[in-house]
Structure formats: C-alpha cells, structure tokens
Amino acid sequence: MFLPKEVQAGLDAARKAELKKKNRLRVKAGEEIFKVLRFREDGFTLDVQEAPHLRGFVDLYDGAKHLYQCLVIASVEEDGEMFYEFKRATAASDKPALDYFVEDDSPIALITDGMTDQRG
C-alpha cells in the first residue's frame, strides 16, 4: 500500500513515541542517557535521530536497576532505528565479585571476647 510521505512519517513518529513511552530500558553512554526502543538477546535499538553511532562500553538500565555492562557496536539502521549489537553483555551485580569459593557453612563474622583488654 502506498502512503504519502507525510502520512508515513507521521505513522513512524507515532510508532516511535509509543515504543519510548512503554519501554523503561535506558542506555547510559558516558554522561548521556538514551531510551531503548527495542531489546533483543543480541542487542537493542535506539532512535537514530537521538542517539549517536555508539561504539564501546555502555550501561543498560531498567529504570534505576543496573542490568548489564555492555560492549556494543552500531550495526544496522532501519526504519529510523539504529541497531546496536552486543559484543559482550555482562550482568551487573550489586555485590563485589568473589575470587574464591565460599562454603555454605563458613563463618560470616569474627566474634571476639568482649572482656579482653585491647590496650595491649
């Protein structure tokens, strides 16, 4: 079906606005933050007019929750959306990484005798 250029542009703008409104995902690149239009297992899309051609490390958030630290590259532009492909996507954690195995029954704190003179 053929639509006049102005009508097609209006439909595309309405579609993008709806995607931005219902999606909470955000990408933070340096100090800039961009709304994610679509998210897939292998990457995400941003509005090509609002986002630069990102390349390198970015952080992906769902609202305030940090989901992933990603290495991305701009891949394909289609219908006003730029697809960014994950080269690496590491799940973010709110705990520091452990470099050793912790037994289930290992102590979690050191208990000392409160009666001991600590002055030396």
PDB file of N, CA and C in Angstrom:
ATOM      1  N   MET A   1       0.840  -1.173   0.000  1.00  0.00           N
ATOM      2  CA  MET A   1       0.000   0.000   0.000  1.00  0.00           C
ATOM      3  C   MET A   1       0.890   1.242   0.000  1.00  0.00           C
ATOM      4  N   PHE A   2       0.547   2.205  -0.816  1.00  0.00           N
ATOM      5  CA  PHE A   2       1.322   3.432  -0.920  1.00  0.00           C
ATOM      6  C   PHE A   2       0.686   4.529  -0.069  1.00  0.00           C
ATOM      7  N   LEU A   3       1.493   5.149   0.754  1.00  0.00           N
ATOM      8  CA  LEU A   3       1.041   6.281   1.565  1.00  0.00           C
ATOM      9  C   LEU A   3       1.879   7.501   1.221  1.00  0.00           C
ATOM     10  N   PRO A   4       1.266   8.684   1.267  1.00  0.00           N
ATOM     11  CA  PRO A   4       2.060   9.891   1.054  1.00  0.00           C
ATOM     12  C   PRO A   4       3.186   9.966   2.084  1.00  0.00           C
ATOM     13  N   LYS A   5       4.282  10.589   1.701  1.00  0.00           N
ATOM     14  CA  LYS A   5       5.472  10.675   2.541  1.00  0.00           C
ATOM     15  C   LYS A   5       5.165  11.283   3.914  1.00  0.00           C
ATOM     16  N   GLU A   6       4.319  12.308   3.962  1.00  0.00           N
ATOM     17  CA  GLU A   6       3.976  12.970   5.220  1.00  0.00           C
ATOM     18  C   GLU A   6       3.194  12.041   6.153  1.00  0.00           C
ATOM     19  N   VAL A   7       2.282  11.256   5.585  1.00  0.00           N
ATOM     20  CA  VAL A   7       1.478  10.329   6.376  1.00  0.00           C
ATOM     21  C   VAL A   7       2.376   9.227   6.941  1.00  0.00           C
ATOM     22  N   GLN A   8       3.275   8.689   6.106  1.00  0.00           N
ATOM     23  CA  GLN A   8       4.193   7.649   6.559  1.00  0.00           C
ATOM     24  C   GLN A   8       5.101   8.175   7.668  1.00  0.00           C
ATOM     25  N   ALA A   9       5.582   9.405   7.532  1.00  0.00           N
ATOM     26  CA  ALA A   9       6.433   9.996   8.564  1.00  0.00           C
ATOM     27  C   ALA A   9       5.666  10.163   9.874  1.00  0.00           C
ATOM     28  N   GLY A  10       4.410  10.558   9.784  1.00  0.00           N
ATOM     29  CA  GLY A  10       3.578  10.694  10.978  1.00  0.00           C
ATOM     30  C   GLY A  10       3.341   9.357  11.661  1.00  0.00           C
ATOM     31  N   LEU A  11       3.093   8.315  10.887  1.00  0.00           N
ATOM     32  CA  LEU A  11       2.903   6.971  11.448  1.00  0.00           C
ATOM     33  C   LEU A  11       4.185   6.466  12.111  1.00  0.00           C
ATOM     34  N   ASP A  12       5.325   6.705  11.471  1.00  0.00           N
ATOM     35  CA  ASP A  12       6.604   6.286  12.045  1.00  0.00           C
ATOM     36  C   ASP A  12       6.889   7.018  13.354  1.00  0.00           C
ATOM     37  N   ALA A  13       6.594   8.312  13.402  1.00  0.00           N
ATOM     38  CA  ALA A  13       6.802   9.105  14.621  1.00  0.00           C
ATOM     39  C   ALA A  13       5.897   8.616  15.747  1.00  0.00           C
ATOM     40  N   ALA A  14       4.667   8.282  15.437  1.00  0.00           N
ATOM     41  CA  ALA A  14       3.735   7.776  16.450  1.00  0.00           C
ATOM     42  C   ALA A  14       4.183   6.411  16.976  1.00  0.00           C
ATOM     43  N   ARG A  15       4.681   5.563  16.090  1.00  0.00           N
ATOM     44  CA  ARG A  15       5.178   4.251  16.500  1.00  0.00           C
ATOM     45  C   ARG A  15       6.370   4.389  17.444  1.00  0.00           C
ATOM     46  N   LYS A  16       7.311   5.276  17.120  1.00  0.00           N
ATOM     47  CA  LYS A  16       8.485   5.505  17.980  1.00  0.00           C
ATOM     48  C   LYS A  16       8.067   6.078  19.332  1.00  0.00           C
ATOM     49  N   ALA A  17       7.134   7.011  19.321  1.00  0.00           N
ATOM     50  CA  ALA A  17       6.675   7.610  20.576  1.00  0.00           C
ATOM     51  C   ALA A  17       6.049   6.551  21.477  1.00  0.00           C
ATOM     52  N   GLU A  18       5.284   5.640  20.897  1.00  0.00           N
ATOM     53  CA  GLU A  18       4.659   4.567  21.679  1.00  0.00           C
ATOM     54  C   GLU A  18       5.713   3.620  22.251  1.00  0.00           C
ATOM     55  N   LEU A  19       6.738   3.293  21.467  1.00  0.00           N
ATOM     56  CA  LEU A  19       7.812   2.431  21.960  1.00  0.00           C
ATOM     57  C   LEU A  19       8.557   3.085  23.121  1.00  0.00           C
ATOM     58  N   LYS A  20       8.836   4.376  23.007  1.00  0.00           N
ATOM     59  CA  LYS A  20       9.547   5.094  24.066  1.00  0.00           C
ATOM     60  C   LYS A  20       8.719   5.165  25.339  1.00  0.00           C
ATOM     61  N   LYS A  21       7.412   5.341  25.176  1.00  0.00           N
ATOM     62  CA  LYS A  21       6.531   5.505  26.325  1.00  0.00           C
ATOM     63  C   LYS A  21       6.403   4.219  27.135  1.00  0.00           C
ATOM     64  N   LYS A  22       6.330   3.077  26.473  1.00  0.00           N
ATOM     65  CA  LYS A  22       6.080   1.837  27.195  1.00  0.00           C
ATOM     66  C   LYS A  22       7.352   1.118  27.630  1.00  0.00           C
ATOM     67  N   ASN A  23       8.514   1.547  27.179  1.00  0.00           N
ATOM     68  CA  ASN A  23       9.756   0.862  27.496  1.00  0.00           C
ATOM     69  C   ASN A  23      10.547   1.628  28.551  1.00  0.00           C
ATOM     70  N   ARG A  24      10.928   0.954  29.645  1.00  0.00           N
ATOM     71  CA  ARG A  24      11.687   1.592  30.722  1.00  0.00           C
ATOM     72  C   ARG A  24      13.191   1.468  30.540  1.00  0.00           C
ATOM     73  N   LEU A  25      13.620   0.701  29.550  1.00  0.00           N
ATOM     74  CA  LEU A  25      15.048   0.469  29.361  1.00  0.00           C
ATOM     75  C   LEU A  25      15.753   1.727  28.879  1.00  0.00           C
ATOM     76  N   ARG A  26      16.945   1.948  29.441  1.00  0.00           N
ATOM     77  CA  ARG A  26      17.773   3.102  29.088  1.00  0.00           C
ATOM     78  C   ARG A  26      19.206   2.639  28.880  1.00  0.00           C
ATOM     79  N   VAL A  27      19.918   3.335  28.020  1.00  0.00           N
ATOM     80  CA  VAL A  27      21.337   3.091  27.818  1.00  0.00           C
ATOM     81  C   VAL A  27      22.085   4.348  28.254  1.00  0.00           C
ATOM     82  N   LYS A  28      23.112   4.137  29.074  1.00  0.00           N
ATOM     83  CA  LYS A  28      23.954   5.252  29.512  1.00  0.00           C
ATOM     84  C   LYS A  28      25.322   5.094  28.866  1.00  0.00           C
ATOM     85  N   ALA A  29      25.691   6.099  28.089  1.00  0.00           N
ATOM     86  CA  ALA A  29      26.994   6.131  27.424  1.00  0.00           C
ATOM     87  C   ALA A  29      27.701   7.388  27.896  1.00  0.00           C
ATOM     88  N   GLY A  30      28.673   7.230  28.770  1.00  0.00           N
ATOM     89  CA  GLY A  30      29.320   8.387  29.375  1.00  0.00           C
ATOM     90  C   GLY A  30      28.315   9.090  30.265  1.00  0.00           C
ATOM     91  N   GLU A  31      28.038  10.349  29.989  1.00  0.00           N
ATOM     92  CA  GLU A  31      27.061  11.115  30.759  1.00  0.00           C
ATOM     93  C   GLU A  31      25.702  11.200  30.065  1.00  0.00           C
ATOM     94  N   GLU A  32      25.611  10.671  28.849  1.00  0.00           N
ATOM     95  CA  GLU A  32      24.373  10.738  28.079  1.00  0.00           C
ATOM     96  C   GLU A  32      23.517   9.498  28.313  1.00  0.00           C
ATOM     97  N   ILE A  33      22.196   9.703  28.312  1.00  0.00           N
ATOM     98  CA  ILE A  33      21.248   8.608  28.505  1.00  0.00           C
ATOM     99  C   ILE A  33      20.259   8.605  27.339  1.00  0.00           C
ATOM    100  N   PHE A  34      20.013   7.406  26.787  1.00  0.00           N
ATOM    101  CA  PHE A  34      19.127   7.248  25.642  1.00  0.00           C
ATOM    102  C   PHE A  34      18.075   6.196  25.953  1.00  0.00           C
ATOM    103  N   LYS A  35      16.843   6.425  25.490  1.00  0.00           N
ATOM    104  CA  LYS A  35      15.761   5.446  25.667  1.00  0.00           C
ATOM    105  C   LYS A  35      15.906   4.328  24.646  1.00  0.00           C
ATOM    106  N   VAL A  36      15.774   3.104  25.118  1.00  0.00           N
ATOM    107  CA  VAL A  36      15.827   1.930  24.243  1.00  0.00           C
ATOM    108  C   VAL A  36      14.450   1.727  23.635  1.00  0.00           C
ATOM    109  N   LEU A  37      14.408   1.557  22.311  1.00  0.00           N
ATOM    110  CA  LEU A  37      13.133   1.296  21.638  1.00  0.00           C
ATOM    111  C   LEU A  37      12.792  -0.187  21.672  1.00  0.00           C
ATOM    112  N   ARG A  38      13.775  -1.021  21.349  1.00  0.00           N
ATOM    113  CA  ARG A  38      13.565  -2.471  21.332  1.00  0.00           C
ATOM    114  C   ARG A  38      14.796  -3.141  21.940  1.00  0.00           C
ATOM    115  N   PHE A  39      14.554  -4.239  22.658  1.00  0.00           N
ATOM    116  CA  PHE A  39      15.634  -5.015  23.260  1.00  0.00           C
ATOM    117  C   PHE A  39      15.532  -6.446  22.775  1.00  0.00           C
ATOM    118  N   ARG A  40      16.670  -6.987  22.361  1.00  0.00           N
ATOM    119  CA  ARG A  40      16.742  -8.389  21.944  1.00  0.00           C
ATOM    120  C   ARG A  40      17.915  -9.044  22.660  1.00  0.00           C
ATOM    121  N   GLU A  41      18.009 -10.336  22.553  1.00  0.00           N
ATOM    122  CA  GLU A  41      19.088 -11.077  23.197  1.00  0.00           C
ATOM    123  C   GLU A  41      20.466 -10.664  22.669  1.00  0.00           C
ATOM    124  N   ASP A  42      20.520 -10.264  21.412  1.00  0.00           N
ATOM    125  CA  ASP A  42      21.802  -9.925  20.801  1.00  0.00           C
ATOM    126  C   ASP A  42      22.045  -8.421  20.667  1.00  0.00           C
ATOM    127  N   GLY A  43      21.138  -7.582  21.209  1.00  0.00           N
ATOM    128  CA  GLY A  43      21.345  -6.143  21.133  1.00  0.00           C
ATOM    129  C   GLY A  43      20.076  -5.350  21.396  1.00  0.00           C
ATOM    130  N   PHE A  44      20.102  -4.084  21.004  1.00  0.00           N
ATOM    131  CA  PHE A  44      18.973  -3.186  21.234  1.00  0.00           C
ATOM    132  C   PHE A  44      18.948  -2.128  20.145  1.00  0.00           C
ATOM    133  N   THR A  45      17.808  -1.413  20.047  1.00  0.00           N
ATOM    134  CA  THR A  45      17.700  -0.321  19.081  1.00  0.00           C
ATOM    135  C   THR A  45      17.430   0.993  19.802  1.00  0.00           C
ATOM    136  N   LEU A  46      17.942   2.067  19.199  1.00  0.00           N
ATOM    137  CA  LEU A  46      17.703   3.435  19.655  1.00  0.00           C
ATOM    138  C   LEU A  46      17.196   4.242  18.481  1.00  0.00           C
ATOM    139  N   ASP A  47      16.541   5.351  18.781  1.00  0.00           N
ATOM    140  CA  ASP A  47      16.091   6.278  17.743  1.00  0.00           C
ATOM    141  C   ASP A  47      17.330   6.873  17.079  1.00  0.00           C
ATOM    142  N   VAL A  48      17.447   6.708  15.785  1.00  0.00           N
ATOM    143  CA  VAL A  48      18.638   7.148  15.065  1.00  0.00           C
ATOM    144  C   VAL A  48      18.829   8.672  15.137  1.00  0.00           C
ATOM    145  N   GLN A  49      17.752   9.428  15.301  1.00  0.00           N
ATOM    146  CA  GLN A  49      17.855  10.882  15.373  1.00  0.00           C
ATOM    147  C   GLN A  49      18.340  11.374  16.729  1.00  0.00           C
ATOM    148  N   GLU A  50      18.159  10.567  17.776  1.00  0.00           N
ATOM    149  CA  GLU A  50      18.533  10.994  19.122  1.00  0.00           C
ATOM    150  C   GLU A  50      19.867  10.445  19.581  1.00  0.00           C
ATOM    151  N   ALA A  51      20.284   9.323  19.040  1.00  0.00           N
ATOM    152  CA  ALA A  51      21.496   8.668  19.526  1.00  0.00           C
ATOM    153  C   ALA A  51      22.614   8.728  18.482  1.00  0.00           C
ATOM    154  N   PRO A  52      23.821   8.908  18.938  1.00  0.00           N
ATOM    155  CA  PRO A  52      24.952   8.859  18.013  1.00  0.00           C
ATOM    156  C   PRO A  52      25.264   7.410  17.644  1.00  0.00           C
ATOM    157  N   HIS A  53      26.220   7.209  16.782  1.00  0.00           N
ATOM    158  CA  HIS A  53      26.674   5.861  16.473  1.00  0.00           C
ATOM    159  C   HIS A  53      27.569   5.400  17.620  1.00  0.00           C
ATOM    160  N   LEU A  54      26.945   4.768  18.616  1.00  0.00           N
ATOM    161  CA  LEU A  54      27.683   4.330  19.796  1.00  0.00           C
ATOM    162  C   LEU A  54      28.626   3.197  19.435  1.00  0.00           C
ATOM    163  N   ARG A  55      29.765   3.216  20.117  1.00  0.00           N
ATOM    164  CA  ARG A  55      30.734   2.137  19.959  1.00  0.00           C
ATOM    165  C   ARG A  55      31.540   2.097  21.242  1.00  0.00           C
ATOM    166  N   GLY A  56      31.584   0.940  21.864  1.00  0.00           N
ATOM    167  CA  GLY A  56      32.355   0.817  23.088  1.00  0.00           C
ATOM    168  C   GLY A  56      31.481   0.388  24.249  1.00  0.00           C
ATOM    169  N   PHE A  57      31.889   0.793  25.449  1.00  0.00           N
ATOM    170  CA  PHE A  57      31.189   0.358  26.657  1.00  0.00           C
ATOM    171  C   PHE A  57      30.005   1.260  26.984  1.00  0.00           C
ATOM    172  N   VAL A  58      28.868   0.636  27.304  1.00  0.00           N
ATOM    173  CA  VAL A  58      27.665   1.338  27.748  1.00  0.00           C
ATOM    174  C   VAL A  58      27.059   0.533  28.897  1.00  0.00           C
ATOM    175  N   ASP A  59      26.192   1.182  29.651  1.00  0.00           N
ATOM    176  CA  ASP A  59      25.468   0.519  30.737  1.00  0.00           C
ATOM    177  C   ASP A  59      23.989   0.500  30.377  1.00  0.00           C
ATOM    178  N   LEU A  60      23.335  -0.635  30.624  1.00  0.00           N
ATOM    179  CA  LEU A  60      21.922  -0.799  30.311  1.00  0.00           C
ATOM    180  C   LEU A  60      21.140  -0.860  31.617  1.00  0.00           C
ATOM    181  N   TYR A  61      20.098  -0.020  31.723  1.00  0.00           N
ATOM    182  CA  TYR A  61      19.290   0.084  32.938  1.00  0.00           C
ATOM    183  C   TYR A  61      17.834  -0.193  32.630  1.00  0.00           C
ATOM    184  N   ASP A  62      17.135  -0.762  33.615  1.00  0.00           N
ATOM    185  CA  ASP A  62      15.676  -0.874  33.606  1.00  0.00           C
ATOM    186  C   ASP A  62      15.204   0.032  34.726  1.00  0.00           C
ATOM    187  N   GLY A  63      14.788   1.240  34.385  1.00  0.00           N
ATOM    188  CA  GLY A  63      14.504   2.243  35.410  1.00  0.00           C
ATOM    189  C   GLY A  63      15.802   2.581  36.115  1.00  0.00           C
ATOM    190  N   ALA A  64      15.863   2.378  37.431  1.00  0.00           N
ATOM    191  CA  ALA A  64      17.075   2.652  38.198  1.00  0.00           C
ATOM    192  C   ALA A  64      17.942   1.405  38.376  1.00  0.00           C
ATOM    193  N   LYS A  65      17.440   0.241  37.971  1.00  0.00           N
ATOM    194  CA  LYS A  65      18.171  -1.015  38.169  1.00  0.00           C
ATOM    195  C   LYS A  65      19.194  -1.229  37.053  1.00  0.00           C
ATOM    196  N   HIS A  66      20.448  -1.372  37.448  1.00  0.00           N
ATOM    197  CA  HIS A  66      21.532  -1.606  36.504  1.00  0.00           C
ATOM    198  C   HIS A  66      21.498  -3.070  36.076  1.00  0.00           C
ATOM    199  N   LEU A  67      21.247  -3.322  34.787  1.00  0.00           N
ATOM    200  CA  LEU A  67      21.121  -4.688  34.291  1.00  0.00           C
ATOM    201  C   LEU A  67      22.421  -5.254  33.729  1.00  0.00           C
ATOM    202  N   TYR A  68      23.048  -4.505  32.819  1.00  0.00           N
ATOM    203  CA  TYR A  68      24.214  -5.014  32.099  1.00  0.00           C
ATOM    204  C   TYR A  68      25.262  -3.932  31.890  1.00  0.00           C
ATOM    205  N   GLN A  69      26.506  -4.385  31.831  1.00  0.00           N
ATOM    206  CA  GLN A  69      27.592  -3.594  31.291  1.00  0.00           C
ATOM    207  C   GLN A  69      27.881  -4.218  29.934  1.00  0.00           C
ATOM    208  N   CYS A  70      27.828  -3.409  28.885  1.00  0.00           N
ATOM    209  CA  CYS A  70      27.876  -3.953  27.532  1.00  0.00           C
ATOM    210  C   CYS A  70      28.980  -3.323  26.698  1.00  0.00           C
ATOM    211  N   LEU A  71      29.512  -4.124  25.809  1.00  0.00           N
ATOM    212  CA  LEU A  71      30.386  -3.645  24.756  1.00  0.00           C
ATOM    213  C   LEU A  71      29.558  -3.729  23.487  1.00  0.00           C
ATOM    214  N   VAL A  72      29.320  -2.586  22.824  1.00  0.00           N
ATOM    215  CA  VAL A  72      28.413  -2.560  21.671  1.00  0.00           C
ATOM    216  C   VAL A  72      29.073  -1.915  20.466  1.00  0.00           C
ATOM    217  N   ILE A  73      28.472  -2.187  19.330  1.00  0.00           N
ATOM    218  CA  ILE A  73      28.863  -1.555  18.077  1.00  0.00           C
ATOM    219  C   ILE A  73      27.595  -1.287  17.272  1.00  0.00           C
ATOM    220  N   ALA A  74      27.526  -0.114  16.637  1.00  0.00           N
ATOM    221  CA  ALA A  74      26.384   0.203  15.779  1.00  0.00           C
ATOM    222  C   ALA A  74      26.403  -0.760  14.596  1.00  0.00           C
ATOM    223  N   SER A  75      25.255  -1.347  14.297  1.00  0.00           N
ATOM    224  CA  SER A  75      25.224  -2.408  13.297  1.00  0.00           C
ATOM    225  C   SER A  75      24.408  -2.030  12.061  1.00  0.00           C
ATOM    226  N   VAL A  76      23.081  -1.905  12.218  1.00  0.00           N
ATOM    227  CA  VAL A  76      22.196  -1.696  11.069  1.00  0.00           C
ATOM    228  C   VAL A  76      21.205  -0.590  11.387  1.00  0.00           C
ATOM    229  N   GLU A  77      21.003   0.300  10.417  1.00  0.00           N
ATOM    230  CA  GLU A  77      19.960   1.329  10.548  1.00  0.00           C
ATOM    231  C   GLU A  77      18.782   0.921   9.682  1.00  0.00           C
ATOM    232  N   GLU A  78      17.590   0.925  10.314  1.00  0.00           N
ATOM    233  CA  GLU A  78      16.395   0.531   9.578  1.00  0.00           C
ATOM    234  C   GLU A  78      15.173   1.227  10.170  1.00  0.00           C
ATOM    235  N   ASP A  79      14.357   1.836   9.349  1.00  0.00           N
ATOM    236  CA  ASP A  79      13.111   2.482   9.755  1.00  0.00           C
ATOM    237  C   ASP A  79      13.328   3.497  10.876  1.00  0.00           C
ATOM    238  N   GLY A  80      14.400   4.270  10.808  1.00  0.00           N
ATOM    239  CA  GLY A  80      14.653   5.306  11.807  1.00  0.00           C
ATOM    240  C   GLY A  80      15.189   4.784  13.123  1.00  0.00           C
ATOM    241  N   GLU A  81      15.560   3.503  13.175  1.00  0.00           N
ATOM    242  CA  GLU A  81      16.121   2.908  14.371  1.00  0.00           C
ATOM    243  C   GLU A  81      17.518   2.382  14.062  1.00  0.00           C
ATOM    244  N   MET A  82      18.437   2.605  14.999  1.00  0.00           N
ATOM    245  CA  MET A  82      19.787   2.057  14.863  1.00  0.00           C
ATOM    246  C   MET A  82      19.904   0.855  15.776  1.00  0.00           C
ATOM    247  N   PHE A  83      20.313  -0.281  15.208  1.00  0.00           N
ATOM    248  CA  PHE A  83      20.504  -1.494  15.997  1.00  0.00           C
ATOM    249  C   PHE A  83      21.946  -1.538  16.481  1.00  0.00           C
ATOM    250  N   TYR A  84      22.112  -1.755  17.776  1.00  0.00           N
ATOM    251  CA  TYR A  84      23.431  -1.882  18.393  1.00  0.00           C
ATOM    252  C   TYR A  84      23.611  -3.327  18.826  1.00  0.00           C
ATOM    253  N   GLU A  85      24.645  -3.952  18.295  1.00  0.00           N
ATOM    254  CA  GLU A  85      24.906  -5.360  18.557  1.00  0.00           C
ATOM    255  C   GLU A  85      25.807  -5.511  19.781  1.00  0.00           C
ATOM    256  N   PHE A  86      25.470  -6.470  20.634  1.00  0.00           N
ATOM    257  CA  PHE A  86      26.312  -6.774  21.786  1.00  0.00           C
ATOM    258  C   PHE A  86      27.535  -7.559  21.323  1.00  0.00           C
ATOM    259  N   LYS A  87      28.699  -7.077  21.656  1.00  0.00           N
ATOM    260  CA  LYS A  87      29.919  -7.867  21.522  1.00  0.00           C
ATOM    261  C   LYS A  87      30.167  -8.593  22.834  1.00  0.00           C
ATOM    262  N   ARG A  88      29.680  -7.971  23.909  1.00  0.00           N
ATOM    263  CA  ARG A  88      29.725  -8.575  25.238  1.00  0.00           C
ATOM    264  C   ARG A  88      28.634  -7.922  26.069  1.00  0.00           C
ATOM    265  N   ALA A  89      27.931  -8.699  26.875  1.00  0.00           N
ATOM    266  CA  ALA A  89      26.924  -8.171  27.801  1.00  0.00           C
ATOM    267  C   ALA A  89      27.094  -8.920  29.120  1.00  0.00           C
ATOM    268  N   THR A  90      27.613  -8.227  30.119  1.00  0.00           N
ATOM    269  CA  THR A  90      27.874  -8.829  31.418  1.00  0.00           C
ATOM    270  C   THR A  90      26.825  -8.355  32.403  1.00  0.00           C
ATOM    271  N   ALA A  91      26.158  -9.296  33.054  1.00  0.00           N
ATOM    272  CA  ALA A  91      25.129  -8.943  34.036  1.00  0.00           C
ATOM    273  C   ALA A  91      25.765  -8.136  35.165  1.00  0.00           C
ATOM    274  N   ALA A  92      25.133  -7.033  35.520  1.00  0.00           N
ATOM    275  CA  ALA A  92      25.620  -6.185  36.606  1.00  0.00           C
ATOM    276  C   ALA A  92      25.194  -6.799  37.931  1.00  0.00           C
ATOM    277  N   SER A  93      26.014  -6.605  38.946  1.00  0.00           N
ATOM    278  CA  SER A  93      25.722  -7.147  40.259  1.00  0.00           C
ATOM    279  C   SER A  93      25.907  -6.051  41.297  1.00  0.00           C
ATOM    280  N   ASP A  94      25.109  -6.112  42.353  1.00  0.00           N
ATOM    281  CA  ASP A  94      25.246  -5.120  43.413  1.00  0.00           C
ATOM    282  C   ASP A  94      26.203  -5.598  44.495  1.00  0.00           C
ATOM    283  N   LYS A  95      26.819  -6.765  44.282  1.00  0.00           N
ATOM    284  CA  LYS A  95      27.796  -7.306  45.229  1.00  0.00           C
ATOM    285  C   LYS A  95      29.143  -7.429  44.529  1.00  0.00           C
ATOM    286  N   PRO A  96      30.237  -7.262  45.258  1.00  0.00           N
ATOM    287  CA  PRO A  96      31.538  -7.431  44.625  1.00  0.00           C
ATOM    288  C   PRO A  96      31.764  -8.890  44.221  1.00  0.00           C
ATOM    289  N   ALA A  97      32.514  -9.079  43.175  1.00  0.00           N
ATOM    290  CA  ALA A  97      32.816 -10.435  42.729  1.00  0.00           C
ATOM    291  C   ALA A  97      33.751 -11.109  43.719  1.00  0.00           C
ATOM    292  N   LEU A  98      33.501 -12.365  43.979  1.00  0.00           N
ATOM    293  CA  LEU A  98      34.373 -13.138  44.855  1.00  0.00           C
ATOM    294  C   LEU A  98      35.411 -13.858  44.005  1.00  0.00           C
ATOM    295  N   ASP A  99      36.644 -13.864  44.475  1.00  0.00           N
ATOM    296  CA  ASP A  99      37.676 -14.579  43.737  1.00  0.00           C
ATOM    297  C   ASP A  99      38.023 -15.895  44.420  1.00  0.00           C
ATOM    298  N   TYR A 100      37.099 -16.387  45.239  1.00  0.00           N
ATOM    299  CA  TYR A 100      37.277 -17.657  45.918  1.00  0.00           C
ATOM    300  C   TYR A 100      35.904 -18.263  46.193  1.00  0.00           C
ATOM    301  N   PHE A 101      35.873 -19.560  46.460  1.00  0.00           N
ATOM    302  CA  PHE A 101      34.624 -20.262  46.739  1.00  0.00           C
ATOM    303  C   PHE A 101      34.282 -20.116  48.215  1.00  0.00           C
ATOM    304  N   VAL A 102      33.030 -19.827  48.537  1.00  0.00           N
ATOM    305  CA  VAL A 102      32.578 -19.691  49.917  1.00  0.00           C
ATOM    306  C   VAL A 102      31.724 -20.908  50.270  1.00  0.00           C
ATOM    307  N   GLU A 103      32.142 -21.618  51.307  1.00  0.00           N
ATOM    308  CA  GLU A 103      31.382 -22.776  51.779  1.00  0.00           C
ATOM    309  C   GLU A 103      30.056 -22.307  52.372  1.00  0.00           C
ATOM    310  N   ASP A 104      29.021 -23.134  52.288  1.00  0.00           N
ATOM    311  CA  ASP A 104      27.715 -22.791  52.837  1.00  0.00           C
ATOM    312  C   ASP A 104      27.753 -22.598  54.352  1.00  0.00           C
ATOM    313  N   ASP A 105      28.592 -23.358  55.038  1.00  0.00           N
ATOM    314  CA  ASP A 105      28.636 -23.275  56.498  1.00  0.00           C
ATOM    315  C   ASP A 105      29.829 -22.457  57.016  1.00  0.00           C
ATOM    316  N   SER A 106      30.425 -21.645  56.162  1.00  0.00           N
ATOM    317  CA  SER A 106      31.576 -20.854  56.600  1.00  0.00           C
ATOM    318  C   SER A 106      31.119 -19.685  57.476  1.00  0.00           C
ATOM    319  N   PRO A 107      31.971 -19.260  58.425  1.00  0.00           N
ATOM    320  CA  PRO A 107      31.585 -18.149  59.302  1.00  0.00           C
ATOM    321  C   PRO A 107      31.455 -16.852  58.505  1.00  0.00           C
ATOM    322  N   ILE A 108      30.551 -15.989  58.966  1.00  0.00           N
ATOM    323  CA  ILE A 108      30.347 -14.717  58.277  1.00  0.00           C
ATOM    324  C   ILE A 108      30.933 -13.545  59.041  1.00  0.00           C
ATOM    325  N   ALA A 109      31.388 -13.792  60.286  1.00  0.00           N
ATOM    326  CA  ALA A 109      31.969 -12.717  61.084  1.00  0.00           C
ATOM    327  C   ALA A 109      32.923 -13.317  62.097  1.00  0.00           C
ATOM    328  N   LEU A 110      33.806 -12.491  62.635  1.00  0.00           N
ATOM    329  CA  LEU A 110      34.734 -12.904  63.673  1.00  0.00           C
ATOM    330  C   LEU A 110      34.200 -12.411  65.005  1.00  0.00           C
ATOM    331  N   ILE A 111      33.978 -13.332  65.925  1.00  0.00           N
ATOM    332  CA  ILE A 111      33.462 -12.971  67.241  1.00  0.00           C
ATOM    333  C   ILE A 111      34.629 -13.012  68.221  1.00  0.00           C
ATOM    334  N   THR A 112      34.820 -11.922  68.928  1.00  0.00           N
ATOM    335  CA  THR A 112      35.898 -11.853  69.907  1.00  0.00           C
ATOM    336  C   THR A 112      35.308 -11.763  71.300  1.00  0.00           C
ATOM    337  N   ASP A 113      36.127 -12.066  72.299  1.00  0.00           N
ATOM    338  CA  ASP A 113      35.729 -11.982  73.700  1.00  0.00           C
ATOM    339  C   ASP A 113      35.700 -10.509  74.080  1.00  0.00           C
ATOM    340  N   GLY A 114      34.542 -10.003  74.448  1.00  0.00           N
ATOM    341  CA  GLY A 114      34.396  -8.593  74.820  1.00  0.00           C
ATOM    342  C   GLY A 114      35.126  -8.232  76.104  1.00  0.00           C
ATOM    343  N   MET A 115      35.543  -9.204  76.871  1.00  0.00           N
ATOM    344  CA  MET A 115      36.237  -8.964  78.148  1.00  0.00           C
ATOM    345  C   MET A 115      37.729  -8.788  77.966  1.00  0.00           C
ATOM    346  N   THR A 116      38.267  -9.057  76.775  1.00  0.00           N
ATOM    347  CA  THR A 116      39.692  -8.950  76.545  1.00  0.00           C
ATOM    348  C   THR A 116      40.123  -7.498  76.552  1.00  0.00           C
ATOM    349  N   ASP A 117      41.194  -7.203  77.230  1.00  0.00           N
ATOM    350  CA  ASP A 117      41.753  -5.854  77.260  1.00  0.00           C
ATOM    351  C   ASP A 117      42.444  -5.609  75.920  1.00  0.00           C
ATOM    352  N   GLN A 118      42.001  -4.621  75.182  1.00  0.00           N
ATOM    353  CA  GLN A 118      42.531  -4.366  73.853  1.00  0.00           C
ATOM    354  C   GLN A 118      43.575  -3.269  73.843  1.00  0.00           C
ATOM    355  N   ARG A 119      44.033  -2.838  75.036  1.00  0.00           N
ATOM    356  CA  ARG A 119      45.025  -1.772  75.096  1.00  0.00           C
ATOM    357  C   ARG A 119      46.446  -2.316  74.908  1.00  0.00           C
ATOM    358  N   GLY A 120      46.607  -3.597  74.955  1.00  0.00           N
ATOM    359  CA  GLY A 120      47.896  -4.160  74.688  1.00  0.00           C
ATOM    360  C   GLY A 120      48.546  -4.625  75.859  1.00  0.00           C
TER     361      GLY A 120
END
